[in-house]
Amino acid sequence: MSELRLYVDEDASEHAVVRGLRARGFDLLTVQEVGRLSLDDEAQLNFASEMGRAIYTFNVRDFAILHREYQEQGRDHAGIVAIPRQRYSVGEKIRRLAALMANEQAEDLRNQLEYL
């Protein structure tokens, strides 16, 4: 089993959340850090999967559609963690993501869509 690592989508790259999770020892990589801004959702999901990282996004609707398409086509991805932007405070996002990352392994999220 391997540690759950996240690739943070452009829309979900809140500095406070990224800093908070890193301060707790979690492995995150942001779209900005790897210079992949403005690429479409499928390109971001494919890149995350190639790196063995679940993608974390606020773009619930589009990634739910992508997840369904992948299932229908028998394609694999490393996981999608989706949270509506306005649902939780920064602190609550950190708590929810930290709990997920502490309690789930990378294999648990493979080909899964996890709503927080």
PDB file of N, CA and C in Angstrom:
ATOM      1  N   MET A   1       0.844  -1.184   0.000  1.00  0.00           N
ATOM      2  CA  MET A   1       0.000   0.000   0.000  1.00  0.00           C
ATOM      3  C   MET A   1       0.887   1.244   0.000  1.00  0.00           C
ATOM      4  N   SER A   2       0.428   2.270  -0.677  1.00  0.00           N
ATOM      5  CA  SER A   2       1.239   3.478  -0.752  1.00  0.00           C
ATOM      6  C   SER A   2       0.452   4.703  -0.285  1.00  0.00           C
ATOM      7  N   GLU A   3       1.194   5.675   0.148  1.00  0.00           N
ATOM      8  CA  GLU A   3       0.647   6.914   0.683  1.00  0.00           C
ATOM      9  C   GLU A   3      -0.176   7.649  -0.376  1.00  0.00           C
ATOM     10  N   LEU A   4      -1.302   8.201   0.050  1.00  0.00           N
ATOM     11  CA  LEU A   4      -2.130   9.017  -0.824  1.00  0.00           C
ATOM     12  C   LEU A   4      -1.459  10.373  -1.009  1.00  0.00           C
ATOM     13  N   ARG A   5      -1.201  10.722  -2.270  1.00  0.00           N
ATOM     14  CA  ARG A   5      -0.599  12.005  -2.614  1.00  0.00           C
ATOM     15  C   ARG A   5      -1.564  12.742  -3.522  1.00  0.00           C
ATOM     16  N   LEU A   6      -1.625  14.067  -3.390  1.00  0.00           N
ATOM     17  CA  LEU A   6      -2.567  14.856  -4.172  1.00  0.00           C
ATOM     18  C   LEU A   6      -1.873  15.748  -5.189  1.00  0.00           C
ATOM     19  N   TYR A   7      -2.559  15.937  -6.295  1.00  0.00           N
ATOM     20  CA  TYR A   7      -2.224  16.931  -7.308  1.00  0.00           C
ATOM     21  C   TYR A   7      -3.358  17.945  -7.245  1.00  0.00           C
ATOM     22  N   VAL A   8      -3.051  19.188  -6.906  1.00  0.00           N
ATOM     23  CA  VAL A   8      -4.069  20.201  -6.649  1.00  0.00           C
ATOM     24  C   VAL A   8      -4.380  20.956  -7.934  1.00  0.00           C
ATOM     25  N   ASP A   9      -5.636  20.851  -8.358  1.00  0.00           N
ATOM     26  CA  ASP A   9      -6.115  21.499  -9.573  1.00  0.00           C
ATOM     27  C   ASP A   9      -6.040  23.019  -9.428  1.00  0.00           C
ATOM     28  N   GLU A  10      -5.985  23.683 -10.548  1.00  0.00           N
ATOM     29  CA  GLU A  10      -5.833  25.135 -10.581  1.00  0.00           C
ATOM     30  C   GLU A  10      -6.904  25.847  -9.752  1.00  0.00           C
ATOM     31  N   ASP A  11      -8.141  25.411  -9.867  1.00  0.00           N
ATOM     32  CA  ASP A  11      -9.223  26.096  -9.164  1.00  0.00           C
ATOM     33  C   ASP A  11      -9.212  25.855  -7.657  1.00  0.00           C
ATOM     34  N   ALA A  12      -8.535  24.809  -7.198  1.00  0.00           N
ATOM     35  CA  ALA A  12      -8.526  24.463  -5.771  1.00  0.00           C
ATOM     36  C   ALA A  12      -7.221  24.849  -5.070  1.00  0.00           C
ATOM     37  N   SER A  13      -6.390  25.601  -5.746  1.00  0.00           N
ATOM     38  CA  SER A  13      -5.059  25.923  -5.201  1.00  0.00           C
ATOM     39  C   SER A  13      -5.109  27.072  -4.213  1.00  0.00           C
ATOM     40  N   GLU A  14      -5.782  26.862  -3.110  1.00  0.00           N
ATOM     41  CA  GLU A  14      -5.806  27.864  -2.046  1.00  0.00           C
ATOM     42  C   GLU A  14      -4.509  27.729  -1.252  1.00  0.00           C
ATOM     43  N   HIS A  15      -3.733  28.783  -1.208  1.00  0.00           N
ATOM     44  CA  HIS A  15      -2.426  28.730  -0.547  1.00  0.00           C
ATOM     45  C   HIS A  15      -2.539  28.273   0.906  1.00  0.00           C
ATOM     46  N   ALA A  16      -3.552  28.746   1.617  1.00  0.00           N
ATOM     47  CA  ALA A  16      -3.692  28.384   3.030  1.00  0.00           C
ATOM     48  C   ALA A  16      -3.948  26.887   3.195  1.00  0.00           C
ATOM     49  N   VAL A  17      -4.720  26.298   2.302  1.00  0.00           N
ATOM     50  CA  VAL A  17      -5.000  24.858   2.379  1.00  0.00           C
ATOM     51  C   VAL A  17      -3.734  24.065   2.058  1.00  0.00           C
ATOM     52  N   VAL A  18      -3.046  24.443   1.009  1.00  0.00           N
ATOM     53  CA  VAL A  18      -1.808  23.755   0.632  1.00  0.00           C
ATOM     54  C   VAL A  18      -0.784  23.858   1.754  1.00  0.00           C
ATOM     55  N   ARG A  19      -0.588  25.058   2.289  1.00  0.00           N
ATOM     56  CA  ARG A  19       0.360  25.241   3.401  1.00  0.00           C
ATOM     57  C   ARG A  19      -0.042  24.423   4.622  1.00  0.00           C
ATOM     58  N   GLY A  20      -1.326  24.436   4.937  1.00  0.00           N
ATOM     59  CA  GLY A  20      -1.812  23.701   6.104  1.00  0.00           C
ATOM     60  C   GLY A  20      -1.594  22.206   5.991  1.00  0.00           C
ATOM     61  N   LEU A  21      -1.829  21.658   4.822  1.00  0.00           N
ATOM     62  CA  LEU A  21      -1.621  20.217   4.626  1.00  0.00           C
ATOM     63  C   LEU A  21      -0.137  19.867   4.613  1.00  0.00           C
ATOM     64  N   ARG A  22       0.659  20.701   3.994  1.00  0.00           N
ATOM     65  CA  ARG A  22       2.110  20.445   3.984  1.00  0.00           C
ATOM     66  C   ARG A  22       2.688  20.541   5.395  1.00  0.00           C
ATOM     67  N   ALA A  23       2.177  21.477   6.191  1.00  0.00           N
ATOM     68  CA  ALA A  23       2.646  21.602   7.575  1.00  0.00           C
ATOM     69  C   ALA A  23       2.339  20.341   8.376  1.00  0.00           C
ATOM     70  N   ARG A  24       1.340  19.606   7.946  1.00  0.00           N
ATOM     71  CA  ARG A  24       0.974  18.351   8.610  1.00  0.00           C
ATOM     72  C   ARG A  24       1.696  17.145   7.996  1.00  0.00           C
ATOM     73  N   GLY A  25       2.587  17.421   7.044  1.00  0.00           N
ATOM     74  CA  GLY A  25       3.415  16.367   6.473  1.00  0.00           C
ATOM     75  C   GLY A  25       2.843  15.661   5.253  1.00  0.00           C
ATOM     76  N   PHE A  26       1.773  16.208   4.660  1.00  0.00           N
ATOM     77  CA  PHE A  26       1.175  15.557   3.494  1.00  0.00           C
ATOM     78  C   PHE A  26       1.842  16.013   2.203  1.00  0.00           C
ATOM     79  N   ASP A  27       1.850  15.124   1.226  1.00  0.00           N
ATOM     80  CA  ASP A  27       2.518  15.337  -0.060  1.00  0.00           C
ATOM     81  C   ASP A  27       1.509  15.876  -1.076  1.00  0.00           C
ATOM     82  N   LEU A  28       1.684  17.134  -1.442  1.00  0.00           N
ATOM     83  CA  LEU A  28       0.843  17.788  -2.441  1.00  0.00           C
ATOM     84  C   LEU A  28       1.720  18.429  -3.498  1.00  0.00           C
ATOM     85  N   LEU A  29       1.198  18.498  -4.685  1.00  0.00           N
ATOM     86  CA  LEU A  29       1.841  19.181  -5.796  1.00  0.00           C
ATOM     87  C   LEU A  29       0.754  19.998  -6.477  1.00  0.00           C
ATOM     88  N   THR A  30       1.025  21.243  -6.780  1.00  0.00           N
ATOM     89  CA  THR A  30       0.011  22.087  -7.409  1.00  0.00           C
ATOM     90  C   THR A  30       0.266  22.250  -8.907  1.00  0.00           C
ATOM     91  N   VAL A  31      -0.787  22.561  -9.612  1.00  0.00           N
ATOM     92  CA  VAL A  31      -0.720  22.824 -11.048  1.00  0.00           C
ATOM     93  C   VAL A  31       0.286  23.943 -11.322  1.00  0.00           C
ATOM     94  N   GLN A  32       0.259  24.966 -10.488  1.00  0.00           N
ATOM     95  CA  GLN A  32       1.169  26.096 -10.677  1.00  0.00           C
ATOM     96  C   GLN A  32       2.620  25.667 -10.549  1.00  0.00           C
ATOM     97  N   GLU A  33       2.914  24.801  -9.592  1.00  0.00           N
ATOM     98  CA  GLU A  33       4.293  24.380  -9.344  1.00  0.00           C
ATOM     99  C   GLU A  33       4.899  23.606 -10.516  1.00  0.00           C
ATOM    100  N   VAL A  34       4.075  22.926 -11.278  1.00  0.00           N
ATOM    101  CA  VAL A  34       4.598  22.149 -12.410  1.00  0.00           C
ATOM    102  C   VAL A  34       4.338  22.834 -13.748  1.00  0.00           C
ATOM    103  N   GLY A  35       3.839  24.075 -13.704  1.00  0.00           N
ATOM    104  CA  GLY A  35       3.668  24.857 -14.925  1.00  0.00           C
ATOM    105  C   GLY A  35       2.615  24.314 -15.867  1.00  0.00           C
ATOM    106  N   ARG A  36       1.499  23.825 -15.318  1.00  0.00           N
ATOM    107  CA  ARG A  36       0.448  23.242 -16.147  1.00  0.00           C
ATOM    108  C   ARG A  36      -0.855  24.041 -16.051  1.00  0.00           C
ATOM    109  N   LEU A  37      -0.747  25.349 -15.914  1.00  0.00           N
ATOM    110  CA  LEU A  37      -1.924  26.215 -15.840  1.00  0.00           C
ATOM    111  C   LEU A  37      -2.702  26.192 -17.147  1.00  0.00           C
ATOM    112  N   SER A  38      -4.002  26.329 -17.051  1.00  0.00           N
ATOM    113  CA  SER A  38      -4.912  26.504 -18.189  1.00  0.00           C
ATOM    114  C   SER A  38      -5.082  25.265 -19.068  1.00  0.00           C
ATOM    115  N   LEU A  39      -4.585  24.112 -18.645  1.00  0.00           N
ATOM    116  CA  LEU A  39      -4.841  22.893 -19.414  1.00  0.00           C
ATOM    117  C   LEU A  39      -6.230  22.372 -19.073  1.00  0.00           C
ATOM    118  N   ASP A  40      -6.833  21.602 -19.993  1.00  0.00           N
ATOM    119  CA  ASP A  40      -8.179  21.121 -19.715  1.00  0.00           C
ATOM    120  C   ASP A  40      -8.182  20.043 -18.634  1.00  0.00           C
ATOM    121  N   ASP A  41      -9.373  19.772 -18.135  1.00  0.00           N
ATOM    122  CA  ASP A  41      -9.521  18.855 -17.003  1.00  0.00           C
ATOM    123  C   ASP A  41      -8.994  17.453 -17.307  1.00  0.00           C
ATOM    124  N   GLU A  42      -9.247  16.969 -18.492  1.00  0.00           N
ATOM    125  CA  GLU A  42      -8.773  15.622 -18.835  1.00  0.00           C
ATOM    126  C   GLU A  42      -7.248  15.557 -18.849  1.00  0.00           C
ATOM    127  N   ALA A  43      -6.605  16.594 -19.373  1.00  0.00           N
ATOM    128  CA  ALA A  43      -5.135  16.633 -19.380  1.00  0.00           C
ATOM    129  C   ALA A  43      -4.604  16.652 -17.947  1.00  0.00           C
ATOM    130  N   GLN A  44      -5.271  17.407 -17.066  1.00  0.00           N
ATOM    131  CA  GLN A  44      -4.835  17.465 -15.667  1.00  0.00           C
ATOM    132  C   GLN A  44      -5.026  16.111 -14.980  1.00  0.00           C
ATOM    133  N   LEU A  45      -6.163  15.452 -15.220  1.00  0.00           N
ATOM    134  CA  LEU A  45      -6.421  14.143 -14.612  1.00  0.00           C
ATOM    135  C   LEU A  45      -5.423  13.107 -15.114  1.00  0.00           C
ATOM    136  N   ASN A  46      -5.131  13.136 -16.394  1.00  0.00           N
ATOM    137  CA  ASN A  46      -4.151  12.199 -16.953  1.00  0.00           C
ATOM    138  C   ASN A  46      -2.762  12.427 -16.353  1.00  0.00           C
ATOM    139  N   PHE A  47      -2.363  13.681 -16.238  1.00  0.00           N
ATOM    140  CA  PHE A  47      -1.060  14.001 -15.657  1.00  0.00           C
ATOM    141  C   PHE A  47      -0.982  13.529 -14.211  1.00  0.00           C
ATOM    142  N   ALA A  48      -2.023  13.814 -13.438  1.00  0.00           N
ATOM    143  CA  ALA A  48      -2.065  13.374 -12.042  1.00  0.00           C
ATOM    144  C   ALA A  48      -1.932  11.860 -11.965  1.00  0.00           C
ATOM    145  N   SER A  49      -2.654  11.163 -12.813  1.00  0.00           N
ATOM    146  CA  SER A  49      -2.629   9.698 -12.797  1.00  0.00           C
ATOM    147  C   SER A  49      -1.265   9.151 -13.185  1.00  0.00           C
ATOM    148  N   GLU A  50      -0.628   9.781 -14.168  1.00  0.00           N
ATOM    149  CA  GLU A  50       0.715   9.347 -14.569  1.00  0.00           C
ATOM    150  C   GLU A  50       1.701   9.473 -13.407  1.00  0.00           C
ATOM    151  N   MET A  51       1.471  10.450 -12.539  1.00  0.00           N
ATOM    152  CA  MET A  51       2.337  10.661 -11.384  1.00  0.00           C
ATOM    153  C   MET A  51       1.884   9.860 -10.164  1.00  0.00           C
ATOM    154  N   GLY A  52       0.781   9.142 -10.301  1.00  0.00           N
ATOM    155  CA  GLY A  52       0.270   8.358  -9.179  1.00  0.00           C
ATOM    156  C   GLY A  52      -0.367   9.214  -8.095  1.00  0.00           C
ATOM    157  N   ARG A  53      -0.929  10.337  -8.499  1.00  0.00           N
ATOM    158  CA  ARG A  53      -1.561  11.264  -7.558  1.00  0.00           C
ATOM    159  C   ARG A  53      -3.052  11.399  -7.871  1.00  0.00           C
ATOM    160  N   ALA A  54      -3.860  11.429  -6.819  1.00  0.00           N
ATOM    161  CA  ALA A  54      -5.272  11.762  -6.984  1.00  0.00           C
ATOM    162  C   ALA A  54      -5.359  13.264  -7.206  1.00  0.00           C
ATOM    163  N   ILE A  55      -6.307  13.688  -8.011  1.00  0.00           N
ATOM    164  CA  ILE A  55      -6.466  15.115  -8.245  1.00  0.00           C
ATOM    165  C   ILE A  55      -7.495  15.665  -7.272  1.00  0.00           C
ATOM    166  N   TYR A  56      -7.190  16.833  -6.709  1.00  0.00           N
ATOM    167  CA  TYR A  56      -8.093  17.541  -5.797  1.00  0.00           C
ATOM    168  C   TYR A  56      -8.616  18.756  -6.530  1.00  0.00           C
ATOM    169  N   THR A  57      -9.950  18.901  -6.560  1.00  0.00           N
ATOM    170  CA  THR A  57     -10.565  19.948  -7.361  1.00  0.00           C
ATOM    171  C   THR A  57     -11.832  20.495  -6.721  1.00  0.00           C
ATOM    172  N   PHE A  58     -12.178  21.729  -7.083  1.00  0.00           N
ATOM    173  CA  PHE A  58     -13.482  22.308  -6.753  1.00  0.00           C
ATOM    174  C   PHE A  58     -14.466  22.067  -7.897  1.00  0.00           C
ATOM    175  N   ASN A  59     -13.976  21.646  -9.023  1.00  0.00           N
ATOM    176  CA  ASN A  59     -14.771  21.500 -10.242  1.00  0.00           C
ATOM    177  C   ASN A  59     -15.552  20.180 -10.208  1.00  0.00           C
ATOM    178  N   VAL A  60     -16.520  20.120  -9.316  1.00  0.00           N
ATOM    179  CA  VAL A  60     -17.262  18.891  -9.047  1.00  0.00           C
ATOM    180  C   VAL A  60     -17.958  18.371 -10.304  1.00  0.00           C
ATOM    181  N   ARG A  61     -18.703  19.205 -10.966  1.00  0.00           N
ATOM    182  CA  ARG A  61     -19.513  18.769 -12.111  1.00  0.00           C
ATOM    183  C   ARG A  61     -18.668  18.175 -13.236  1.00  0.00           C
ATOM    184  N   ASP A  62     -17.662  18.911 -13.679  1.00  0.00           N
ATOM    185  CA  ASP A  62     -16.867  18.449 -14.823  1.00  0.00           C
ATOM    186  C   ASP A  62     -16.072  17.185 -14.501  1.00  0.00           C
ATOM    187  N   PHE A  63     -15.557  17.094 -13.275  1.00  0.00           N
ATOM    188  CA  PHE A  63     -14.802  15.897 -12.931  1.00  0.00           C
ATOM    189  C   PHE A  63     -15.712  14.693 -12.689  1.00  0.00           C
ATOM    190  N   ALA A  64     -16.960  14.928 -12.279  1.00  0.00           N
ATOM    191  CA  ALA A  64     -17.922  13.823 -12.170  1.00  0.00           C
ATOM    192  C   ALA A  64     -18.222  13.265 -13.558  1.00  0.00           C
ATOM    193  N   ILE A  65     -18.341  14.140 -14.524  1.00  0.00           N
ATOM    194  CA  ILE A  65     -18.566  13.706 -15.904  1.00  0.00           C
ATOM    195  C   ILE A  65     -17.348  12.935 -16.421  1.00  0.00           C
ATOM    196  N   LEU A  66     -16.152  13.475 -16.182  1.00  0.00           N
ATOM    197  CA  LEU A  66     -14.927  12.789 -16.606  1.00  0.00           C
ATOM    198  C   LEU A  66     -14.813  11.408 -15.956  1.00  0.00           C
ATOM    199  N   HIS A  67     -15.118  11.327 -14.674  1.00  0.00           N
ATOM    200  CA  HIS A  67     -15.056  10.051 -13.954  1.00  0.00           C
ATOM    201  C   HIS A  67     -15.990   9.030 -14.614  1.00  0.00           C
ATOM    202  N   ARG A  68     -17.198   9.456 -14.903  1.00  0.00           N
ATOM    203  CA  ARG A  68     -18.166   8.561 -15.546  1.00  0.00           C
ATOM    204  C   ARG A  68     -17.673   8.125 -16.930  1.00  0.00           C
ATOM    205  N   GLU A  69     -17.124   9.044 -17.692  1.00  0.00           N
ATOM    206  CA  GLU A  69     -16.595   8.706 -19.015  1.00  0.00           C
ATOM    207  C   GLU A  69     -15.452   7.698 -18.903  1.00  0.00           C
ATOM    208  N   TYR A  70     -14.562   7.891 -17.949  1.00  0.00           N
ATOM    209  CA  TYR A  70     -13.463   6.944 -17.746  1.00  0.00           C
ATOM    210  C   TYR A  70     -14.007   5.559 -17.426  1.00  0.00           C
ATOM    211  N   GLN A  71     -15.011   5.495 -16.553  1.00  0.00           N
ATOM    212  CA  GLN A  71     -15.612   4.206 -16.211  1.00  0.00           C
ATOM    213  C   GLN A  71     -16.211   3.531 -17.443  1.00  0.00           C
ATOM    214  N   GLU A  72     -16.957   4.284 -18.211  1.00  0.00           N
ATOM    215  CA  GLU A  72     -17.615   3.749 -19.404  1.00  0.00           C
ATOM    216  C   GLU A  72     -16.608   3.256 -20.438  1.00  0.00           C
ATOM    217  N   GLN A  73     -15.456   3.906 -20.509  1.00  0.00           N
ATOM    218  CA  GLN A  73     -14.427   3.554 -21.488  1.00  0.00           C
ATOM    219  C   GLN A  73     -13.404   2.562 -20.944  1.00  0.00           C
ATOM    220  N   GLY A  74     -13.551   2.166 -19.684  1.00  0.00           N
ATOM    221  CA  GLY A  74     -12.601   1.240 -19.071  1.00  0.00           C
ATOM    222  C   GLY A  74     -11.222   1.838 -18.865  1.00  0.00           C
ATOM    223  N   ARG A  75     -11.166   3.158 -18.709  1.00  0.00           N
ATOM    224  CA  ARG A  75      -9.901   3.854 -18.491  1.00  0.00           C
ATOM    225  C   ARG A  75      -9.654   4.026 -17.005  1.00  0.00           C
ATOM    226  N   ASP A  76      -8.391   4.057 -16.612  1.00  0.00           N
ATOM    227  CA  ASP A  76      -8.014   4.200 -15.216  1.00  0.00           C
ATOM    228  C   ASP A  76      -7.567   5.621 -14.898  1.00  0.00           C
ATOM    229  N   HIS A  77      -7.805   6.022 -13.654  1.00  0.00           N
ATOM    230  CA  HIS A  77      -7.225   7.252 -13.125  1.00  0.00           C
ATOM    231  C   HIS A  77      -6.852   6.999 -11.671  1.00  0.00           C
ATOM    232  N   ALA A  78      -6.033   7.872 -11.095  1.00  0.00           N
ATOM    233  CA  ALA A  78      -5.510   7.674  -9.742  1.00  0.00           C
ATOM    234  C   ALA A  78      -6.448   8.182  -8.662  1.00  0.00           C
ATOM    235  N   GLY A  79      -7.595   8.697  -9.043  1.00  0.00           N
ATOM    236  CA  GLY A  79      -8.582   9.163  -8.082  1.00  0.00           C
ATOM    237  C   GLY A  79      -8.887  10.637  -8.231  1.00  0.00           C
ATOM    238  N   ILE A  80     -10.095  10.978  -7.822  1.00  0.00           N
ATOM    239  CA  ILE A  80     -10.561  12.367  -7.862  1.00  0.00           C
ATOM    240  C   ILE A  80     -11.144  12.685  -6.493  1.00  0.00           C
ATOM    241  N   VAL A  81     -10.682  13.777  -5.910  1.00  0.00           N
ATOM    242  CA  VAL A  81     -11.224  14.269  -4.651  1.00  0.00           C
ATOM    243  C   VAL A  81     -11.868  15.614  -4.967  1.00  0.00           C
ATOM    244  N   ALA A  82     -13.178  15.689  -4.809  1.00  0.00           N
ATOM    245  CA  ALA A  82     -13.913  16.885  -5.199  1.00  0.00           C
ATOM    246  C   ALA A  82     -14.619  17.501  -3.998  1.00  0.00           C
ATOM    247  N   ILE A  83     -14.563  18.807  -3.946  1.00  0.00           N
ATOM    248  CA  ILE A  83     -15.233  19.534  -2.874  1.00  0.00           C
ATOM    249  C   ILE A  83     -15.783  20.832  -3.461  1.00  0.00           C
ATOM    250  N   PRO A  84     -17.051  21.131  -3.228  1.00  0.00           N
ATOM    251  CA  PRO A  84     -17.584  22.411  -3.718  1.00  0.00           C
ATOM    252  C   PRO A  84     -16.865  23.571  -3.045  1.00  0.00           C
ATOM    253  N   ARG A  85     -16.499  24.558  -3.808  1.00  0.00           N
ATOM    254  CA  ARG A  85     -15.684  25.690  -3.345  1.00  0.00           C
ATOM    255  C   ARG A  85     -16.288  26.365  -2.113  1.00  0.00           C
ATOM    256  N   GLN A  86     -17.544  26.640  -2.103  1.00  0.00           N
ATOM    257  CA  GLN A  86     -18.157  27.442  -1.050  1.00  0.00           C
ATOM    258  C   GLN A  86     -18.667  26.636   0.140  1.00  0.00           C
ATOM    259  N   ARG A  87     -18.554  25.334   0.100  1.00  0.00           N
ATOM    260  CA  ARG A  87     -19.168  24.520   1.142  1.00  0.00           C
ATOM    261  C   ARG A  87     -18.484  24.643   2.497  1.00  0.00           C
ATOM    262  N   TYR A  88     -17.153  24.731   2.530  1.00  0.00           N
ATOM    263  CA  TYR A  88     -16.420  24.680   3.792  1.00  0.00           C
ATOM    264  C   TYR A  88     -15.416  25.818   3.913  1.00  0.00           C
ATOM    265  N   SER A  89     -15.099  26.138   5.149  1.00  0.00           N
ATOM    266  CA  SER A  89     -14.038  27.118   5.425  1.00  0.00           C
ATOM    267  C   SER A  89     -12.686  26.490   5.093  1.00  0.00           C
ATOM    268  N   VAL A  90     -11.649  27.302   5.071  1.00  0.00           N
ATOM    269  CA  VAL A  90     -10.295  26.803   4.823  1.00  0.00           C
ATOM    270  C   VAL A  90      -9.930  25.762   5.866  1.00  0.00           C
ATOM    271  N   GLY A  91     -10.194  26.056   7.133  1.00  0.00           N
ATOM    272  CA  GLY A  91      -9.872  25.118   8.198  1.00  0.00           C
ATOM    273  C   GLY A  91     -10.587  23.785   8.041  1.00  0.00           C
ATOM    274  N   GLU A  92     -11.845  23.832   7.645  1.00  0.00           N
ATOM    275  CA  GLU A  92     -12.607  22.593   7.454  1.00  0.00           C
ATOM    276  C   GLU A  92     -12.078  21.811   6.258  1.00  0.00           C
ATOM    277  N   LYS A  93     -11.686  22.489   5.198  1.00  0.00           N
ATOM    278  CA  LYS A  93     -11.088  21.806   4.044  1.00  0.00           C
ATOM    279  C   LYS A  93      -9.818  21.091   4.466  1.00  0.00           C
ATOM    280  N   ILE A  94      -8.978  21.775   5.243  1.00  0.00           N
ATOM    281  CA  ILE A  94      -7.736  21.156   5.719  1.00  0.00           C
ATOM    282  C   ILE A  94      -8.060  19.926   6.565  1.00  0.00           C
ATOM    283  N   ARG A  95      -9.008  20.046   7.490  1.00  0.00           N
ATOM    284  CA  ARG A  95      -9.378  18.906   8.342  1.00  0.00           C
ATOM    285  C   ARG A  95      -9.882  17.730   7.514  1.00  0.00           C
ATOM    286  N   ARG A  96     -10.752  17.998   6.561  1.00  0.00           N
ATOM    287  CA  ARG A  96     -11.317  16.913   5.750  1.00  0.00           C
ATOM    288  C   ARG A  96     -10.269  16.255   4.863  1.00  0.00           C
ATOM    289  N   LEU A  97      -9.441  17.060   4.220  1.00  0.00           N
ATOM    290  CA  LEU A  97      -8.387  16.501   3.376  1.00  0.00           C
ATOM    291  C   LEU A  97      -7.347  15.761   4.196  1.00  0.00           C
ATOM    292  N   ALA A  98      -6.984  16.313   5.351  1.00  0.00           N
ATOM    293  CA  ALA A  98      -6.007  15.646   6.217  1.00  0.00           C
ATOM    294  C   ALA A  98      -6.541  14.292   6.681  1.00  0.00           C
ATOM    295  N   ALA A  99      -7.816  14.232   7.050  1.00  0.00           N
ATOM    296  CA  ALA A  99      -8.408  12.961   7.482  1.00  0.00           C
ATOM    297  C   ALA A  99      -8.394  11.952   6.341  1.00  0.00           C
ATOM    298  N   LEU A 100      -8.746  12.398   5.147  1.00  0.00           N
ATOM    299  CA  LEU A 100      -8.730  11.508   3.984  1.00  0.00           C
ATOM    300  C   LEU A 100      -7.319  10.984   3.729  1.00  0.00           C
ATOM    301  N   MET A 101      -6.338  11.887   3.713  1.00  0.00           N
ATOM    302  CA  MET A 101      -4.974  11.498   3.394  1.00  0.00           C
ATOM    303  C   MET A 101      -4.351  10.625   4.480  1.00  0.00           C
ATOM    304  N   ALA A 102      -4.775  10.807   5.724  1.00  0.00           N
ATOM    305  CA  ALA A 102      -4.237  10.006   6.821  1.00  0.00           C
ATOM    306  C   ALA A 102      -4.845   8.602   6.867  1.00  0.00           C
ATOM    307  N   ASN A 103      -6.074   8.474   6.356  1.00  0.00           N
ATOM    308  CA  ASN A 103      -6.809   7.213   6.513  1.00  0.00           C
ATOM    309  C   ASN A 103      -6.964   6.387   5.248  1.00  0.00           C
ATOM    310  N   GLU A 104      -6.611   6.946   4.117  1.00  0.00           N
ATOM    311  CA  GLU A 104      -6.751   6.228   2.851  1.00  0.00           C
ATOM    312  C   GLU A 104      -5.389   6.043   2.202  1.00  0.00           C
ATOM    313  N   GLN A 105      -5.248   4.965   1.502  1.00  0.00           N
ATOM    314  CA  GLN A 105      -4.041   4.702   0.722  1.00  0.00           C
ATOM    315  C   GLN A 105      -4.323   5.069  -0.738  1.00  0.00           C
ATOM    316  N   ALA A 106      -3.278   5.248  -1.512  1.00  0.00           N
ATOM    317  CA  ALA A 106      -3.435   5.596  -2.926  1.00  0.00           C
ATOM    318  C   ALA A 106      -4.319   4.575  -3.643  1.00  0.00           C
ATOM    319  N   GLU A 107      -4.140   3.315  -3.317  1.00  0.00           N
ATOM    320  CA  GLU A 107      -4.906   2.252  -3.981  1.00  0.00           C
ATOM    321  C   GLU A 107      -6.405   2.344  -3.674  1.00  0.00           C
ATOM    322  N   ASP A 108      -6.749   2.893  -2.511  1.00  0.00           N
ATOM    323  CA  ASP A 108      -8.150   3.021  -2.132  1.00  0.00           C
ATOM    324  C   ASP A 108      -8.899   3.998  -3.022  1.00  0.00           C
ATOM    325  N   LEU A 109      -8.204   5.002  -3.549  1.00  0.00           N
ATOM    326  CA  LEU A 109      -8.850   6.014  -4.370  1.00  0.00           C
ATOM    327  C   LEU A 109      -8.757   5.728  -5.868  1.00  0.00           C
ATOM    328  N   ARG A 110      -8.009   4.714  -6.240  1.00  0.00           N
ATOM    329  CA  ARG A 110      -7.843   4.406  -7.668  1.00  0.00           C
ATOM    330  C   ARG A 110      -9.220   4.222  -8.317  1.00  0.00           C
ATOM    331  N   ASN A 111      -9.463   4.973  -9.378  1.00  0.00           N
ATOM    332  CA  ASN A 111     -10.705   4.925 -10.155  1.00  0.00           C
ATOM    333  C   ASN A 111     -11.930   5.294  -9.333  1.00  0.00           C
ATOM    334  N   GLN A 112     -11.723   6.072  -8.258  1.00  0.00           N
ATOM    335  CA  GLN A 112     -12.825   6.495  -7.399  1.00  0.00           C
ATOM    336  C   GLN A 112     -12.998   8.006  -7.475  1.00  0.00           C
ATOM    337  N   LEU A 113     -14.227   8.429  -7.234  1.00  0.00           N
ATOM    338  CA  LEU A 113     -14.538   9.842  -7.088  1.00  0.00           C
ATOM    339  C   LEU A 113     -15.012  10.028  -5.651  1.00  0.00           C
ATOM    340  N   GLU A 114     -14.254  10.784  -4.876  1.00  0.00           N
ATOM    341  CA  GLU A 114     -14.530  10.998  -3.452  1.00  0.00           C
ATOM    342  C   GLU A 114     -15.023  12.429  -3.267  1.00  0.00           C
ATOM    343  N   TYR A 115     -16.246  12.565  -2.754  1.00  0.00           N
ATOM    344  CA  TYR A 115     -16.790  13.874  -2.438  1.00  0.00           C
ATOM    345  C   TYR A 115     -16.529  14.173  -0.965  1.00  0.00           C
ATOM    346  N   LEU A 116     -15.981  15.330  -0.662  1.00  0.00           N
ATOM    347  CA  LEU A 116     -15.753  15.724   0.731  1.00  0.00           C
ATOM    348  C   LEU A 116     -16.811  16.705   1.187  1.00  0.00           C
TER     349      LEU A 116
END
